[in-house]
Amino acid sequence: MKRRPLLTLMMALLITLFGWLWIDRVALRAFPDIISAYTAKEYCSCRYVMLQPADYCRGYVKQSVPISDLLETPEEKRVTVSGLGRSNSARWLGARQGCRLEP
């Protein structure tokens, strides 16, 4: 029987990768929600707590993982962000509470 060290190494790496994915499956499943929730909360805080202009806040929340949509509703002081197939909203509650994610 011939030895195939490259094939053996590739199989070992593949098994290790699947093992790591299995161990971190809960965290990996939550990742898409984290992107839109973080962006909504930080953008809301930038606009309504720090009172910065919209262009500045868009740059402030820009991440390496792109979002697909950012909708600001100034009359309700609400921000809705969509990214990686998930959507989250944050709303300004007042000077003492700041911004909070909506359920």
PDB file of N, CA and C in Angstrom:
ATOM      1  N   MET A   1       0.840  -1.183   0.000  1.00  0.00           N
ATOM      2  CA  MET A   1       0.000   0.000   0.000  1.00  0.00           C
ATOM      3  C   MET A   1       0.885   1.247   0.000  1.00  0.00           C
ATOM      4  N   LYS A   2       0.580   2.194  -0.908  1.00  0.00           N
ATOM      5  CA  LYS A   2       1.329   3.433  -1.002  1.00  0.00           C
ATOM      6  C   LYS A   2       0.867   4.405   0.075  1.00  0.00           C
ATOM      7  N   ARG A   3       1.792   5.156   0.575  1.00  0.00           N
ATOM      8  CA  ARG A   3       1.450   6.194   1.544  1.00  0.00           C
ATOM      9  C   ARG A   3       1.115   7.471   0.791  1.00  0.00           C
ATOM     10  N   ARG A   4       0.122   8.147   1.283  1.00  0.00           N
ATOM     11  CA  ARG A   4      -0.282   9.424   0.683  1.00  0.00           C
ATOM     12  C   ARG A   4      -0.320  10.480   1.788  1.00  0.00           C
ATOM     13  N   PRO A   5       0.823  11.092   2.086  1.00  0.00           N
ATOM     14  CA  PRO A   5       0.887  12.038   3.202  1.00  0.00           C
ATOM     15  C   PRO A   5       0.015  13.294   2.980  1.00  0.00           C
ATOM     16  N   LEU A   6      -0.069  13.766   1.753  1.00  0.00           N
ATOM     17  CA  LEU A   6      -0.874  14.956   1.475  1.00  0.00           C
ATOM     18  C   LEU A   6      -2.360  14.670   1.706  1.00  0.00           C
ATOM     19  N   LEU A   7      -2.829  13.530   1.250  1.00  0.00           N
ATOM     20  CA  LEU A   7      -4.228  13.150   1.444  1.00  0.00           C
ATOM     21  C   LEU A   7      -4.536  12.963   2.927  1.00  0.00           C
ATOM     22  N   THR A   8      -3.624  12.343   3.658  1.00  0.00           N
ATOM     23  CA  THR A   8      -3.804  12.145   5.100  1.00  0.00           C
ATOM     24  C   THR A   8      -3.865  13.484   5.830  1.00  0.00           C
ATOM     25  N   LEU A   9      -2.982  14.406   5.452  1.00  0.00           N
ATOM     26  CA  LEU A   9      -2.979  15.738   6.060  1.00  0.00           C
ATOM     27  C   LEU A   9      -4.276  16.484   5.761  1.00  0.00           C
ATOM     28  N   MET A  10      -4.733  16.421   4.530  1.00  0.00           N
ATOM     29  CA  MET A  10      -5.990  17.086   4.153  1.00  0.00           C
ATOM     30  C   MET A  10      -7.179  16.506   4.920  1.00  0.00           C
ATOM     31  N   MET A  11      -7.220  15.210   5.074  1.00  0.00           N
ATOM     32  CA  MET A  11      -8.314  14.578   5.826  1.00  0.00           C
ATOM     33  C   MET A  11      -8.275  14.995   7.299  1.00  0.00           C
ATOM     34  N   ALA A  12      -7.070  15.059   7.876  1.00  0.00           N
ATOM     35  CA  ALA A  12      -6.930  15.477   9.278  1.00  0.00           C
ATOM     36  C   ALA A  12      -7.388  16.926   9.455  1.00  0.00           C
ATOM     37  N   LEU A  13      -7.022  17.798   8.514  1.00  0.00           N
ATOM     38  CA  LEU A  13      -7.453  19.190   8.572  1.00  0.00           C
ATOM     39  C   LEU A  13      -8.969  19.317   8.422  1.00  0.00           C
ATOM     40  N   LEU A  14      -9.548  18.544   7.536  1.00  0.00           N
ATOM     41  CA  LEU A  14     -10.997  18.558   7.330  1.00  0.00           C
ATOM     42  C   LEU A  14     -11.742  18.089   8.577  1.00  0.00           C
ATOM     43  N   ILE A  15     -11.264  17.038   9.195  1.00  0.00           N
ATOM     44  CA  ILE A  15     -11.886  16.529  10.423  1.00  0.00           C
ATOM     45  C   ILE A  15     -11.762  17.565  11.540  1.00  0.00           C
ATOM     46  N   THR A  16     -10.614  18.228  11.635  1.00  0.00           N
ATOM     47  CA  THR A  16     -10.410  19.270  12.646  1.00  0.00           C
ATOM     48  C   THR A  16     -11.358  20.445  12.407  1.00  0.00           C
ATOM     49  N   LEU A  17     -11.514  20.843  11.153  1.00  0.00           N
ATOM     50  CA  LEU A  17     -12.417  21.945  10.814  1.00  0.00           C
ATOM     51  C   LEU A  17     -13.848  21.608  11.191  1.00  0.00           C
ATOM     52  N   PHE A  18     -14.326  20.441  10.831  1.00  0.00           N
ATOM     53  CA  PHE A  18     -15.695  20.046  11.184  1.00  0.00           C
ATOM     54  C   PHE A  18     -15.879  19.931  12.693  1.00  0.00           C
ATOM     55  N   GLY A  19     -14.858  19.483  13.394  1.00  0.00           N
ATOM     56  CA  GLY A  19     -14.918  19.424  14.856  1.00  0.00           C
ATOM     57  C   GLY A  19     -15.055  20.806  15.465  1.00  0.00           C
ATOM     58  N   TRP A  20     -14.264  21.759  14.959  1.00  0.00           N
ATOM     59  CA  TRP A  20     -14.332  23.137  15.446  1.00  0.00           C
ATOM     60  C   TRP A  20     -15.704  23.745  15.154  1.00  0.00           C
ATOM     61  N   LEU A  21     -16.231  23.511  13.944  1.00  0.00           N
ATOM     62  CA  LEU A  21     -17.564  24.021  13.602  1.00  0.00           C
ATOM     63  C   LEU A  21     -18.633  23.437  14.519  1.00  0.00           C
ATOM     64  N   TRP A  22     -18.516  22.177  14.835  1.00  0.00           N
ATOM     65  CA  TRP A  22     -19.498  21.532  15.708  1.00  0.00           C
ATOM     66  C   TRP A  22     -19.450  22.118  17.125  1.00  0.00           C
ATOM     67  N   ILE A  23     -18.252  22.334  17.633  1.00  0.00           N
ATOM     68  CA  ILE A  23     -18.089  22.881  18.980  1.00  0.00           C
ATOM     69  C   ILE A  23     -18.646  24.307  19.067  1.00  0.00           C
ATOM     70  N   ASP A  24     -18.417  25.119  18.052  1.00  0.00           N
ATOM     71  CA  ASP A  24     -18.844  26.521  18.060  1.00  0.00           C
ATOM     72  C   ASP A  24     -20.146  26.771  17.301  1.00  0.00           C
ATOM     73  N   ARG A  25     -20.954  25.748  17.114  1.00  0.00           N
ATOM     74  CA  ARG A  25     -22.159  25.891  16.302  1.00  0.00           C
ATOM     75  C   ARG A  25     -23.141  26.924  16.849  1.00  0.00           C
ATOM     76  N   VAL A  26     -23.269  27.043  18.165  1.00  0.00           N
ATOM     77  CA  VAL A  26     -24.208  28.014  18.751  1.00  0.00           C
ATOM     78  C   VAL A  26     -23.735  29.435  18.470  1.00  0.00           C
ATOM     79  N   ALA A  27     -22.452  29.694  18.670  1.00  0.00           N
ATOM     80  CA  ALA A  27     -21.911  31.032  18.417  1.00  0.00           C
ATOM     81  C   ALA A  27     -21.982  31.381  16.934  1.00  0.00           C
ATOM     82  N   LEU A  28     -21.710  30.428  16.081  1.00  0.00           N
ATOM     83  CA  LEU A  28     -21.763  30.680  14.636  1.00  0.00           C
ATOM     84  C   LEU A  28     -23.189  30.966  14.168  1.00  0.00           C
ATOM     85  N   ARG A  29     -24.168  30.331  14.802  1.00  0.00           N
ATOM     86  CA  ARG A  29     -25.567  30.573  14.450  1.00  0.00           C
ATOM     87  C   ARG A  29     -26.011  31.974  14.876  1.00  0.00           C
ATOM     88  N   ALA A  30     -25.438  32.507  15.960  1.00  0.00           N
ATOM     89  CA  ALA A  30     -25.807  33.830  16.473  1.00  0.00           C
ATOM     90  C   ALA A  30     -25.113  34.970  15.721  1.00  0.00           C
ATOM     91  N   PHE A  31     -24.048  34.681  15.014  1.00  0.00           N
ATOM     92  CA  PHE A  31     -23.245  35.717  14.363  1.00  0.00           C
ATOM     93  C   PHE A  31     -24.041  36.659  13.461  1.00  0.00           C
ATOM     94  N   PRO A  32     -24.920  36.188  12.575  1.00  0.00           N
ATOM     95  CA  PRO A  32     -25.651  37.128  11.718  1.00  0.00           C
ATOM     96  C   PRO A  32     -26.482  38.147  12.507  1.00  0.00           C
ATOM     97  N   ASP A  33     -27.070  37.766  13.623  1.00  0.00           N
ATOM     98  CA  ASP A  33     -27.837  38.696  14.450  1.00  0.00           C
ATOM     99  C   ASP A  33     -26.938  39.746  15.095  1.00  0.00           C
ATOM    100  N   ILE A  34     -25.736  39.358  15.450  1.00  0.00           N
ATOM    101  CA  ILE A  34     -24.829  40.276  16.129  1.00  0.00           C
ATOM    102  C   ILE A  34     -24.483  41.457  15.233  1.00  0.00           C
ATOM    103  N   ILE A  35     -24.270  41.211  13.958  1.00  0.00           N
ATOM    104  CA  ILE A  35     -23.876  42.280  13.034  1.00  0.00           C
ATOM    105  C   ILE A  35     -24.955  43.357  12.953  1.00  0.00           C
ATOM    106  N   SER A  36     -26.207  42.972  12.684  1.00  0.00           N
ATOM    107  CA  SER A  36     -27.259  43.976  12.540  1.00  0.00           C
ATOM    108  C   SER A  36     -27.621  44.621  13.879  1.00  0.00           C
ATOM    109  N   ALA A  37     -27.592  43.867  14.962  1.00  0.00           N
ATOM    110  CA  ALA A  37     -27.930  44.427  16.278  1.00  0.00           C
ATOM    111  C   ALA A  37     -26.877  45.450  16.717  1.00  0.00           C
ATOM    112  N   TYR A  38     -25.615  45.101  16.572  1.00  0.00           N
ATOM    113  CA  TYR A  38     -24.537  46.016  16.945  1.00  0.00           C
ATOM    114  C   TYR A  38     -24.627  47.311  16.135  1.00  0.00           C
ATOM    115  N   THR A  39     -24.813  47.183  14.832  1.00  0.00           N
ATOM    116  CA  THR A  39     -24.859  48.349  13.962  1.00  0.00           C
ATOM    117  C   THR A  39     -26.052  49.239  14.305  1.00  0.00           C
ATOM    118  N   ALA A  40     -27.225  48.644  14.533  1.00  0.00           N
ATOM    119  CA  ALA A  40     -28.418  49.433  14.881  1.00  0.00           C
ATOM    120  C   ALA A  40     -28.203  50.183  16.189  1.00  0.00           C
ATOM    121  N   LYS A  41     -27.692  49.510  17.191  1.00  0.00           N
ATOM    122  CA  LYS A  41     -27.491  50.127  18.511  1.00  0.00           C
ATOM    123  C   LYS A  41     -26.450  51.238  18.450  1.00  0.00           C
ATOM    124  N   GLU A  42     -25.334  50.991  17.804  1.00  0.00           N
ATOM    125  CA  GLU A  42     -24.273  51.992  17.736  1.00  0.00           C
ATOM    126  C   GLU A  42     -24.684  53.198  16.884  1.00  0.00           C
ATOM    127  N   TYR A  43     -25.387  52.957  15.779  1.00  0.00           N
ATOM    128  CA  TYR A  43     -25.843  54.064  14.936  1.00  0.00           C
ATOM    129  C   TYR A  43     -26.858  54.911  15.702  1.00  0.00           C
ATOM    130  N   CYS A  44     -27.779  54.273  16.395  1.00  0.00           N
ATOM    131  CA  CYS A  44     -28.774  54.996  17.196  1.00  0.00           C
ATOM    132  C   CYS A  44     -28.075  55.860  18.249  1.00  0.00           C
ATOM    133  N   SER A  45     -27.092  55.307  18.933  1.00  0.00           N
ATOM    134  CA  SER A  45     -26.362  56.056  19.953  1.00  0.00           C
ATOM    135  C   SER A  45     -25.588  57.222  19.343  1.00  0.00           C
ATOM    136  N   CYS A  46     -24.997  56.991  18.202  1.00  0.00           N
ATOM    137  CA  CYS A  46     -24.249  58.043  17.519  1.00  0.00           C
ATOM    138  C   CYS A  46     -25.171  59.209  17.142  1.00  0.00           C
ATOM    139  N   ARG A  47     -26.334  58.887  16.586  1.00  0.00           N
ATOM    140  CA  ARG A  47     -27.261  59.928  16.120  1.00  0.00           C
ATOM    141  C   ARG A  47     -27.989  60.641  17.262  1.00  0.00           C
ATOM    142  N   TYR A  48     -28.526  59.888  18.207  1.00  0.00           N
ATOM    143  CA  TYR A  48     -29.452  60.477  19.182  1.00  0.00           C
ATOM    144  C   TYR A  48     -28.855  60.701  20.560  1.00  0.00           C
ATOM    145  N   VAL A  49     -27.759  60.063  20.889  1.00  0.00           N
ATOM    146  CA  VAL A  49     -27.099  60.320  22.170  1.00  0.00           C
ATOM    147  C   VAL A  49     -25.954  61.310  21.955  1.00  0.00           C
ATOM    148  N   MET A  50     -25.100  61.034  20.960  1.00  0.00           N
ATOM    149  CA  MET A  50     -23.967  61.918  20.681  1.00  0.00           C
ATOM    150  C   MET A  50     -24.336  63.066  19.743  1.00  0.00           C
ATOM    151  N   LEU A  51     -25.547  63.011  19.136  1.00  0.00           N
ATOM    152  CA  LEU A  51     -26.080  64.064  18.258  1.00  0.00           C
ATOM    153  C   LEU A  51     -25.173  64.375  17.074  1.00  0.00           C
ATOM    154  N   GLN A  52     -24.647  63.342  16.450  1.00  0.00           N
ATOM    155  CA  GLN A  52     -23.766  63.488  15.284  1.00  0.00           C
ATOM    156  C   GLN A  52     -24.587  63.431  13.991  1.00  0.00           C
ATOM    157  N   PRO A  53     -24.066  64.004  12.891  1.00  0.00           N
ATOM    158  CA  PRO A  53     -24.771  63.927  11.603  1.00  0.00           C
ATOM    159  C   PRO A  53     -24.788  62.501  11.044  1.00  0.00           C
ATOM    160  N   ALA A  54     -25.757  62.240  10.186  1.00  0.00           N
ATOM    161  CA  ALA A  54     -25.958  60.897   9.636  1.00  0.00           C
ATOM    162  C   ALA A  54     -24.719  60.383   8.897  1.00  0.00           C
ATOM    163  N   ASP A  55     -24.076  61.224   8.090  1.00  0.00           N
ATOM    164  CA  ASP A  55     -22.890  60.783   7.339  1.00  0.00           C
ATOM    165  C   ASP A  55     -21.772  60.343   8.272  1.00  0.00           C
ATOM    166  N   TYR A  56     -21.567  61.084   9.346  1.00  0.00           N
ATOM    167  CA  TYR A  56     -20.535  60.711  10.312  1.00  0.00           C
ATOM    168  C   TYR A  56     -20.866  59.356  10.938  1.00  0.00           C
ATOM    169  N   CYS A  57     -22.134  59.170  11.327  1.00  0.00           N
ATOM    170  CA  CYS A  57     -22.536  57.931  12.001  1.00  0.00           C
ATOM    171  C   CYS A  57     -22.449  56.719  11.083  1.00  0.00           C
ATOM    172  N   ARG A  58     -22.747  56.894   9.798  1.00  0.00           N
ATOM    173  CA  ARG A  58     -22.605  55.774   8.850  1.00  0.00           C
ATOM    174  C   ARG A  58     -21.151  55.316   8.785  1.00  0.00           C
ATOM    175  N   GLY A  59     -20.230  56.244   8.801  1.00  0.00           N
ATOM    176  CA  GLY A  59     -18.808  55.892   8.827  1.00  0.00           C
ATOM    177  C   GLY A  59     -18.399  55.296  10.158  1.00  0.00           C
ATOM    178  N   TYR A  60     -19.002  55.785  11.227  1.00  0.00           N
ATOM    179  CA  TYR A  60     -18.682  55.314  12.586  1.00  0.00           C
ATOM    180  C   TYR A  60     -19.034  53.840  12.778  1.00  0.00           C
ATOM    181  N   VAL A  61     -20.137  53.393  12.168  1.00  0.00           N
ATOM    182  CA  VAL A  61     -20.590  52.009  12.363  1.00  0.00           C
ATOM    183  C   VAL A  61     -20.147  51.072  11.250  1.00  0.00           C
ATOM    184  N   LYS A  62     -19.424  51.591  10.264  1.00  0.00           N
ATOM    185  CA  LYS A  62     -18.997  50.750   9.142  1.00  0.00           C
ATOM    186  C   LYS A  62     -18.093  49.628   9.635  1.00  0.00           C
ATOM    187  N   GLN A  63     -18.361  48.415   9.161  1.00  0.00           N
ATOM    188  CA  GLN A  63     -17.605  47.233   9.573  1.00  0.00           C
ATOM    189  C   GLN A  63     -17.080  46.502   8.351  1.00  0.00           C
ATOM    190  N   SER A  64     -16.258  45.511   8.605  1.00  0.00           N
ATOM    191  CA  SER A  64     -15.729  44.714   7.497  1.00  0.00           C
ATOM    192  C   SER A  64     -16.818  43.814   6.912  1.00  0.00           C
ATOM    193  N   VAL A  65     -17.815  43.444   7.725  1.00  0.00           N
ATOM    194  CA  VAL A  65     -18.952  42.668   7.228  1.00  0.00           C
ATOM    195  C   VAL A  65     -20.025  43.669   6.816  1.00  0.00           C
ATOM    196  N   PRO A  66     -20.367  43.731   5.533  1.00  0.00           N
ATOM    197  CA  PRO A  66     -21.305  44.754   5.077  1.00  0.00           C
ATOM    198  C   PRO A  66     -22.741  44.484   5.521  1.00  0.00           C
ATOM    199  N   ILE A  67     -23.484  45.583   5.681  1.00  0.00           N
ATOM    200  CA  ILE A  67     -24.915  45.479   5.953  1.00  0.00           C
ATOM    201  C   ILE A  67     -25.642  45.727   4.641  1.00  0.00           C
ATOM    202  N   SER A  68     -26.869  45.216   4.528  1.00  0.00           N
ATOM    203  CA  SER A  68     -27.596  45.386   3.275  1.00  0.00           C
ATOM    204  C   SER A  68     -28.524  46.592   3.307  1.00  0.00           C
ATOM    205  N   ASP A  69     -28.947  47.032   4.500  1.00  0.00           N
ATOM    206  CA  ASP A  69     -29.878  48.155   4.569  1.00  0.00           C
ATOM    207  C   ASP A  69     -29.808  48.817   5.933  1.00  0.00           C
ATOM    208  N   LEU A  70     -29.855  50.150   5.943  1.00  0.00           N
ATOM    209  CA  LEU A  70     -29.923  50.917   7.183  1.00  0.00           C
ATOM    210  C   LEU A  70     -31.031  51.943   6.997  1.00  0.00           C
ATOM    211  N   LEU A  71     -32.092  51.789   7.756  1.00  0.00           N
ATOM    212  CA  LEU A  71     -33.251  52.675   7.650  1.00  0.00           C
ATOM    213  C   LEU A  71     -33.397  53.455   8.944  1.00  0.00           C
ATOM    214  N   GLU A  72     -33.351  54.779   8.832  1.00  0.00           N
ATOM    215  CA  GLU A  72     -33.513  55.638   9.998  1.00  0.00           C
ATOM    216  C   GLU A  72     -34.876  56.313   9.920  1.00  0.00           C
ATOM    217  N   THR A  73     -35.620  56.269  11.013  1.00  0.00           N
ATOM    218  CA  THR A  73     -36.920  56.931  11.110  1.00  0.00           C
ATOM    219  C   THR A  73     -36.780  58.036  12.160  1.00  0.00           C
ATOM    220  N   PRO A  74     -36.408  59.259  11.727  1.00  0.00           N
ATOM    221  CA  PRO A  74     -36.126  60.332  12.687  1.00  0.00           C
ATOM    222  C   PRO A  74     -37.305  60.713  13.590  1.00  0.00           C
ATOM    223  N   GLU A  75     -38.525  60.683  13.062  1.00  0.00           N
ATOM    224  CA  GLU A  75     -39.680  61.071  13.883  1.00  0.00           C
ATOM    225  C   GLU A  75     -39.928  60.108  15.047  1.00  0.00           C
ATOM    226  N   GLU A  76     -39.537  58.846  14.882  1.00  0.00           N
ATOM    227  CA  GLU A  76     -39.660  57.856  15.962  1.00  0.00           C
ATOM    228  C   GLU A  76     -38.329  57.616  16.670  1.00  0.00           C
ATOM    229  N   LYS A  77     -37.257  58.227  16.144  1.00  0.00           N
ATOM    230  CA  LYS A  77     -35.894  58.020  16.646  1.00  0.00           C
ATOM    231  C   LYS A  77     -35.570  56.530  16.721  1.00  0.00           C
ATOM    232  N   ARG A  78     -35.834  55.860  15.596  1.00  0.00           N
ATOM    233  CA  ARG A  78     -35.624  54.417  15.473  1.00  0.00           C
ATOM    234  C   ARG A  78     -34.705  54.139  14.291  1.00  0.00           C
ATOM    235  N   VAL A  79     -33.854  53.145  14.452  1.00  0.00           N
ATOM    236  CA  VAL A  79     -32.933  52.719  13.402  1.00  0.00           C
ATOM    237  C   VAL A  79     -33.137  51.226  13.189  1.00  0.00           C
ATOM    238  N   THR A  80     -33.326  50.821  11.930  1.00  0.00           N
ATOM    239  CA  THR A  80     -33.463  49.409  11.592  1.00  0.00           C
ATOM    240  C   THR A  80     -32.348  49.045  10.622  1.00  0.00           C
ATOM    241  N   VAL A  81     -31.624  47.981  10.947  1.00  0.00           N
ATOM    242  CA  VAL A  81     -30.488  47.548  10.130  1.00  0.00           C
ATOM    243  C   VAL A  81     -30.701  46.105   9.711  1.00  0.00           C
ATOM    244  N   SER A  82     -30.445  45.824   8.439  1.00  0.00           N
ATOM    245  CA  SER A  82     -30.499  44.460   7.919  1.00  0.00           C
ATOM    246  C   SER A  82     -29.114  44.077   7.419  1.00  0.00           C
ATOM    247  N   GLY A  83     -28.748  42.850   7.721  1.00  0.00           N
ATOM    248  CA  GLY A  83     -27.459  42.344   7.259  1.00  0.00           C
ATOM    249  C   GLY A  83     -27.374  40.853   7.504  1.00  0.00           C
ATOM    250  N   LEU A  84     -26.768  40.144   6.575  1.00  0.00           N
ATOM    251  CA  LEU A  84     -26.614  38.690   6.647  1.00  0.00           C
ATOM    252  C   LEU A  84     -27.958  37.987   6.855  1.00  0.00           C
ATOM    253  N   GLY A  85     -29.017  38.533   6.270  1.00  0.00           N
ATOM    254  CA  GLY A  85     -30.337  37.905   6.335  1.00  0.00           C
ATOM    255  C   GLY A  85     -31.108  38.156   7.613  1.00  0.00           C
ATOM    256  N   ARG A  86     -30.608  38.988   8.504  1.00  0.00           N
ATOM    257  CA  ARG A  86     -31.287  39.287   9.766  1.00  0.00           C
ATOM    258  C   ARG A  86     -31.528  40.784   9.863  1.00  0.00           C
ATOM    259  N   SER A  87     -32.522  41.168  10.647  1.00  0.00           N
ATOM    260  CA  SER A  87     -32.861  42.571  10.820  1.00  0.00           C
ATOM    261  C   SER A  87     -33.066  42.859  12.307  1.00  0.00           C
ATOM    262  N   ASN A  88     -32.531  43.986  12.771  1.00  0.00           N
ATOM    263  CA  ASN A  88     -32.690  44.416  14.157  1.00  0.00           C
ATOM    264  C   ASN A  88     -32.944  45.913  14.197  1.00  0.00           C
ATOM    265  N   SER A  89     -33.675  46.348  15.236  1.00  0.00           N
ATOM    266  CA  SER A  89     -33.986  47.766  15.408  1.00  0.00           C
ATOM    267  C   SER A  89     -33.544  48.233  16.787  1.00  0.00           C
ATOM    268  N   ALA A  90     -33.155  49.506  16.831  1.00  0.00           N
ATOM    269  CA  ALA A  90     -32.834  50.159  18.094  1.00  0.00           C
ATOM    270  C   ALA A  90     -33.601  51.475  18.124  1.00  0.00           C
ATOM    271  N   ARG A  91     -33.998  51.879  19.325  1.00  0.00           N
ATOM    272  CA  ARG A  91     -34.799  53.096  19.464  1.00  0.00           C
ATOM    273  C   ARG A  91     -34.262  53.920  20.624  1.00  0.00           C
ATOM    274  N   TRP A  92     -34.263  55.243  20.428  1.00  0.00           N
ATOM    275  CA  TRP A  92     -33.848  56.154  21.476  1.00  0.00           C
ATOM    276  C   TRP A  92     -34.993  56.311  22.453  1.00  0.00           C
ATOM    277  N   LEU A  93     -34.722  56.071  23.740  1.00  0.00           N
ATOM    278  CA  LEU A  93     -35.764  56.118  24.763  1.00  0.00           C
ATOM    279  C   LEU A  93     -35.767  57.418  25.537  1.00  0.00           C
ATOM    280  N   GLY A  94     -34.684  58.123  25.557  1.00  0.00           N
ATOM    281  CA  GLY A  94     -34.604  59.385  26.286  1.00  0.00           C
ATOM    282  C   GLY A  94     -33.185  59.665  26.725  1.00  0.00           C
ATOM    283  N   ALA A  95     -33.007  60.834  27.324  1.00  0.00           N
ATOM    284  CA  ALA A  95     -31.667  61.269  27.723  1.00  0.00           C
ATOM    285  C   ALA A  95     -31.045  60.353  28.776  1.00  0.00           C
ATOM    286  N   ARG A  96     -31.846  59.814  29.669  1.00  0.00           N
ATOM    287  CA  ARG A  96     -31.304  58.962  30.730  1.00  0.00           C
ATOM    288  C   ARG A  96     -31.114  57.510  30.286  1.00  0.00           C
ATOM    289  N   GLN A  97     -31.972  57.014  29.393  1.00  0.00           N
ATOM    290  CA  GLN A  97     -31.903  55.607  28.960  1.00  0.00           C
ATOM    291  C   GLN A  97     -31.058  55.415  27.715  1.00  0.00           C
ATOM    292  N   GLY A  98     -30.940  56.416  26.874  1.00  0.00           N
ATOM    293  CA  GLY A  98     -30.190  56.284  25.629  1.00  0.00           C
ATOM    294  C   GLY A  98     -30.932  55.394  24.631  1.00  0.00           C
ATOM    295  N   CYS A  99     -30.201  54.603  23.884  1.00  0.00           N
ATOM    296  CA  CYS A  99     -30.778  53.726  22.868  1.00  0.00           C
ATOM    297  C   CYS A  99     -30.820  52.286  23.382  1.00  0.00           C
ATOM    298  N   ARG A 100     -31.845  51.588  22.947  1.00  0.00           N
ATOM    299  CA  ARG A 100     -32.007  50.187  23.358  1.00  0.00           C
ATOM    300  C   ARG A 100     -32.481  49.381  22.150  1.00  0.00           C
ATOM    301  N   LEU A 101     -31.985  48.139  22.052  1.00  0.00           N
ATOM    302  CA  LEU A 101     -32.473  47.240  21.015  1.00  0.00           C
ATOM    303  C   LEU A 101     -33.916  46.872  21.289  1.00  0.00           C
ATOM    304  N   GLU A 102     -34.687  46.786  20.235  1.00  0.00           N
ATOM    305  CA  GLU A 102     -36.089  46.373  20.373  1.00  0.00           C
ATOM    306  C   GLU A 102     -36.183  44.851  20.192  1.00  0.00           C
ATOM    307  N   PRO A 103     -37.073  44.228  20.954  1.00  0.00           N
ATOM    308  CA  PRO A 103     -37.211  42.766  20.823  1.00  0.00           C
ATOM    309  C   PRO A 103     -37.815  42.360  19.500  1.00  0.00           C
TER     310      PRO A 103
END
